[in-house]
Amino acid sequence: MATVKYSRQRESILSYLRSTTAHPTAETVFNHVREICPSISLGTVYRNLKQLETLGIIRRISCGDGNEHFDGTVSPHYHLFCRSCGSVSDINMPLLADLNQLASHYTEGTIEGHSTIFYGLCATCVKPR
């Protein structure tokens, strides 16, 4: 992994992402980090998120809702996107380890990994109000 010059702002972004399982958008990251670094701009948050993603330190999740969500956990795991409230949550289930091998039988390319997002309702939205 490439080394990156230390930045208090970048460290604050990474610390926030690793402290939450909410899979926030860049705007949510900005609002939380601004409490620690009041002078940070939204553009700085976007640039640092991109750099952290490029370095493989965080993961970007696109669910098709027009928002990019960010995950401080890069180890393989699955997600649930709630079609009602727009939240993204982890699904703690065993990985389908042979899925990559199975998919490789259907392509002439090389499978290096996969990302799976399930769509439905989160626990909060399923409960009657």
Protein backbone atom coordinates (compact mmCIF):
# COMPACT_ATOMS: atom_id res chain seq x y z
CA MET A 1 0.00 0.00 0.00
CA ALA A 2 1.34 3.43 -0.88
CA THR A 3 2.23 5.76 1.95
CA VAL A 4 0.36 9.01 2.22
CA LYS A 5 1.45 12.16 4.00
CA TYR A 6 -0.40 12.51 7.31
CA SER A 7 -3.42 14.79 7.27
CA ARG A 8 -5.54 15.53 10.34
CA GLN A 9 -8.56 15.93 8.10
CA ARG A 10 -8.01 12.60 6.34
CA GLU A 11 -7.40 10.88 9.68
CA SER A 12 -10.65 12.36 11.03
CA ILE A 13 -12.56 11.08 7.99
CA LEU A 14 -11.08 7.61 8.34
CA SER A 15 -11.68 7.55 12.08
CA TYR A 16 -15.34 8.45 11.59
CA LEU A 17 -15.85 5.81 8.90
CA ARG A 18 -14.28 3.13 11.07
CA SER A 19 -16.45 4.14 14.04
CA THR A 20 -19.80 3.72 12.28
CA THR A 21 -21.69 0.96 10.54
CA ALA A 22 -24.11 3.46 8.96
CA HIS A 23 -22.35 3.60 5.55
CA PRO A 24 -22.66 7.39 5.32
CA THR A 25 -22.70 9.59 2.25
CA ALA A 26 -19.95 12.17 1.71
CA GLU A 27 -22.27 14.87 3.02
CA THR A 28 -22.85 12.94 6.25
CA VAL A 29 -19.10 12.39 6.63
CA PHE A 30 -18.61 16.12 6.08
CA ASN A 31 -21.15 17.04 8.77
CA HIS A 32 -19.52 14.75 11.34
CA VAL A 33 -15.92 15.64 10.55
CA ARG A 34 -16.72 19.35 10.54
CA GLU A 35 -17.31 19.07 14.30
CA ILE A 36 -13.62 18.11 14.71
CA CYS A 37 -12.19 20.13 11.82
CA PRO A 38 -14.45 23.20 11.46
CA SER A 39 -12.51 24.58 8.50
CA ILE A 40 -12.85 21.43 6.35
CA SER A 41 -14.71 21.84 3.07
CA LEU A 42 -17.00 19.38 1.33
CA GLY A 43 -14.51 19.31 -1.57
CA THR A 44 -11.74 18.24 0.81
CA VAL A 45 -13.95 15.44 2.13
CA TYR A 46 -14.64 14.23 -1.43
CA ARG A 47 -10.94 14.34 -2.36
CA ASN A 48 -9.91 12.43 0.75
CA LEU A 49 -12.65 9.83 0.34
CA LYS A 50 -11.47 9.25 -3.24
CA GLN A 51 -7.86 8.92 -2.09
CA LEU A 52 -8.75 6.53 0.74
CA GLU A 53 -10.80 4.43 -1.68
CA THR A 54 -7.98 4.38 -4.26
CA LEU A 55 -5.59 3.17 -1.57
CA GLY A 56 -8.03 0.39 -0.62
CA ILE A 57 -8.51 1.76 2.91
CA ILE A 58 -12.27 2.34 2.55
CA ARG A 59 -14.95 1.08 0.19
CA ARG A 60 -17.40 3.06 -1.95
CA ILE A 61 -20.86 1.53 -2.28
CA SER A 62 -23.22 2.50 -5.11
CA CYS A 63 -26.77 1.29 -4.55
CA GLY A 64 -28.46 2.97 -7.49
CA ASP A 65 -30.10 5.65 -5.36
CA GLY A 66 -27.93 8.47 -6.71
CA ASN A 67 -25.82 8.57 -3.54
CA GLU A 68 -22.40 7.12 -2.94
CA HIS A 69 -22.10 5.48 0.48
CA PHE A 70 -18.78 4.79 2.21
CA ASP A 71 -17.69 1.86 4.33
CA GLY A 72 -14.71 1.81 6.68
CA THR A 73 -14.68 -2.00 6.58
CA VAL A 74 -13.00 -3.30 3.46
CA SER A 75 -13.04 -7.01 4.28
CA PRO A 76 -15.56 -8.86 2.10
CA HIS A 77 -19.14 -8.69 3.37
CA TYR A 78 -22.66 -8.15 2.05
CA HIS A 79 -25.00 -5.16 2.36
CA LEU A 80 -28.72 -4.44 2.51
CA PHE A 81 -29.99 -1.27 0.86
CA CYS A 82 -33.33 -0.19 2.30
CA ARG A 83 -35.61 0.94 -0.51
CA SER A 84 -37.72 2.90 1.99
CA CYS A 85 -35.28 5.00 4.05
CA GLY A 86 -32.16 4.67 1.88
CA SER A 87 -29.95 3.22 4.61
CA VAL A 88 -27.17 0.74 3.90
CA SER A 89 -26.42 -1.89 6.52
CA ASP A 90 -24.12 -4.88 6.81
CA ILE A 91 -25.51 -8.39 6.51
CA ASN A 92 -23.48 -10.60 8.80
CA MET A 93 -23.68 -13.90 6.97
CA PRO A 94 -21.01 -16.30 5.76
CA LEU A 95 -19.50 -15.39 2.41
CA LEU A 96 -20.34 -17.56 -0.54
CA ALA A 97 -16.69 -18.42 -1.11
CA ASP A 98 -17.27 -20.44 -4.25
CA LEU A 99 -19.28 -17.68 -5.96
CA ASN A 100 -16.16 -16.23 -7.62
CA GLN A 101 -15.20 -19.66 -8.94
CA LEU A 102 -18.75 -20.32 -10.16
CA ALA A 103 -18.88 -16.96 -11.97
CA SER A 104 -15.51 -17.66 -13.60
CA HIS A 105 -17.12 -20.51 -15.53
CA TYR A 106 -19.40 -17.99 -17.28
CA THR A 107 -16.79 -15.54 -18.51
CA GLU A 108 -13.58 -15.61 -20.47
CA GLY A 109 -12.29 -12.89 -18.15
CA THR A 110 -10.80 -13.26 -14.70
CA ILE A 111 -12.90 -12.92 -11.56
CA GLU A 112 -11.06 -11.10 -8.77
CA GLY A 113 -13.94 -10.60 -6.36
CA HIS A 114 -17.55 -9.57 -6.09
CA SER A 115 -19.78 -7.08 -4.35
CA THR A 116 -23.31 -8.00 -3.40
CA ILE A 117 -26.06 -5.61 -2.37
CA PHE A 118 -29.44 -6.94 -1.36
CA TYR A 119 -32.45 -4.65 -1.78
CA GLY A 120 -35.43 -4.63 0.57
CA LEU A 121 -36.47 -3.06 3.85
CA CYS A 122 -34.27 -2.54 6.90
CA ALA A 123 -35.39 -3.73 10.34
CA THR A 124 -36.66 -0.26 11.26
CA CYS A 125 -38.79 0.10 8.14
CA VAL A 126 -40.24 -3.40 8.42
CA LYS A 127 -41.64 -2.72 11.89
CA PRO A 128 -45.21 -1.38 11.90
CA ARG A 129 -45.45 2.20 13.15
